[in-house]
Amino acid sequence: MLCQNTARRNSLQKKTLGIESERRLASSKMTREERLLKEQLRHLNIEKAKNHLVHNLRGMSL
């Protein structure tokens, strides 16, 4: 009986460790993707602002 409980506990601990490591991996992937998306958005906003300024400057020179 004691041996079965120990085996079951060890099995559950291994499963828990596997789940935790997968959760950490998914979290780090999400963080990386969020960082890349924020960087892309920042570049898009810079490009949008640049185009707006160029348009305004061209309008002033007419």
Protein backbone atom coordinates (compact mmCIF):
# COMPACT_ATOMS: atom_id res chain seq x y z
CA MET A 1 0.00 0.00 0.00
CA LEU A 2 2.76 2.44 0.97
CA CYS A 3 4.70 1.60 -2.19
CA GLN A 4 1.60 2.28 -4.34
CA ASN A 5 1.03 5.64 -2.66
CA THR A 6 4.66 6.61 -3.17
CA ALA A 7 4.53 5.58 -6.83
CA ARG A 8 1.31 7.54 -7.33
CA ARG A 9 2.74 10.60 -5.59
CA ASN A 10 5.89 10.44 -7.73
CA SER A 11 3.80 10.12 -10.88
CA LEU A 12 1.68 13.14 -9.91
CA GLN A 13 4.80 15.16 -9.10
CA LYS A 14 6.27 14.39 -12.54
CA LYS A 15 3.01 15.42 -14.22
CA THR A 16 2.91 18.62 -12.17
CA LEU A 17 6.50 19.47 -13.09
CA GLY A 18 5.70 18.85 -16.76
CA ILE A 19 2.65 21.09 -16.60
CA GLU A 20 4.62 23.83 -14.83
CA SER A 21 7.44 23.73 -17.37
CA GLU A 22 4.93 23.91 -20.25
CA ARG A 23 3.21 26.85 -18.56
CA ARG A 24 6.53 28.69 -18.19
CA LEU A 25 7.42 27.99 -21.83
CA ALA A 26 4.02 29.25 -23.04
CA SER A 27 4.37 32.33 -20.85
CA SER A 28 7.82 33.17 -22.22
CA LYS A 29 6.59 32.67 -25.80
CA MET A 30 3.65 34.98 -25.12
CA THR A 31 5.95 37.60 -23.61
CA ARG A 32 8.23 37.41 -26.65
CA GLU A 33 5.28 37.71 -29.05
CA GLU A 34 3.84 40.63 -27.08
CA ARG A 35 7.21 42.40 -27.19
CA LEU A 36 7.48 41.87 -30.97
CA LEU A 37 3.92 43.10 -31.54
CA LYS A 38 4.53 46.20 -29.42
CA GLU A 39 7.68 46.92 -31.40
CA GLN A 40 5.81 46.52 -34.70
CA LEU A 41 3.05 48.83 -33.46
CA ARG A 42 5.61 51.42 -32.39
CA HIS A 43 7.21 51.33 -35.87
CA LEU A 44 3.80 51.63 -37.52
CA ASN A 45 2.93 54.61 -35.32
CA ILE A 46 6.26 56.26 -36.15
CA GLU A 47 5.65 55.71 -39.86
CA LYS A 48 2.11 57.09 -39.55
CA ALA A 49 3.35 60.21 -37.72
CA LYS A 50 6.12 60.69 -40.29
CA ASN A 51 3.64 60.49 -43.17
CA HIS A 52 1.35 62.96 -41.41
CA LEU A 53 4.21 65.44 -40.95
CA VAL A 54 5.36 65.08 -44.56
CA HIS A 55 1.79 65.62 -45.78
CA ASN A 56 1.45 68.76 -43.65
CA LEU A 57 4.81 70.13 -44.82
CA ARG A 58 3.89 69.56 -48.46
CA GLY A 59 0.58 71.30 -47.88
CA MET A 60 2.35 74.33 -46.40
CA SER A 61 4.74 74.64 -49.35
CA LEU A 62 1.96 74.87 -51.93
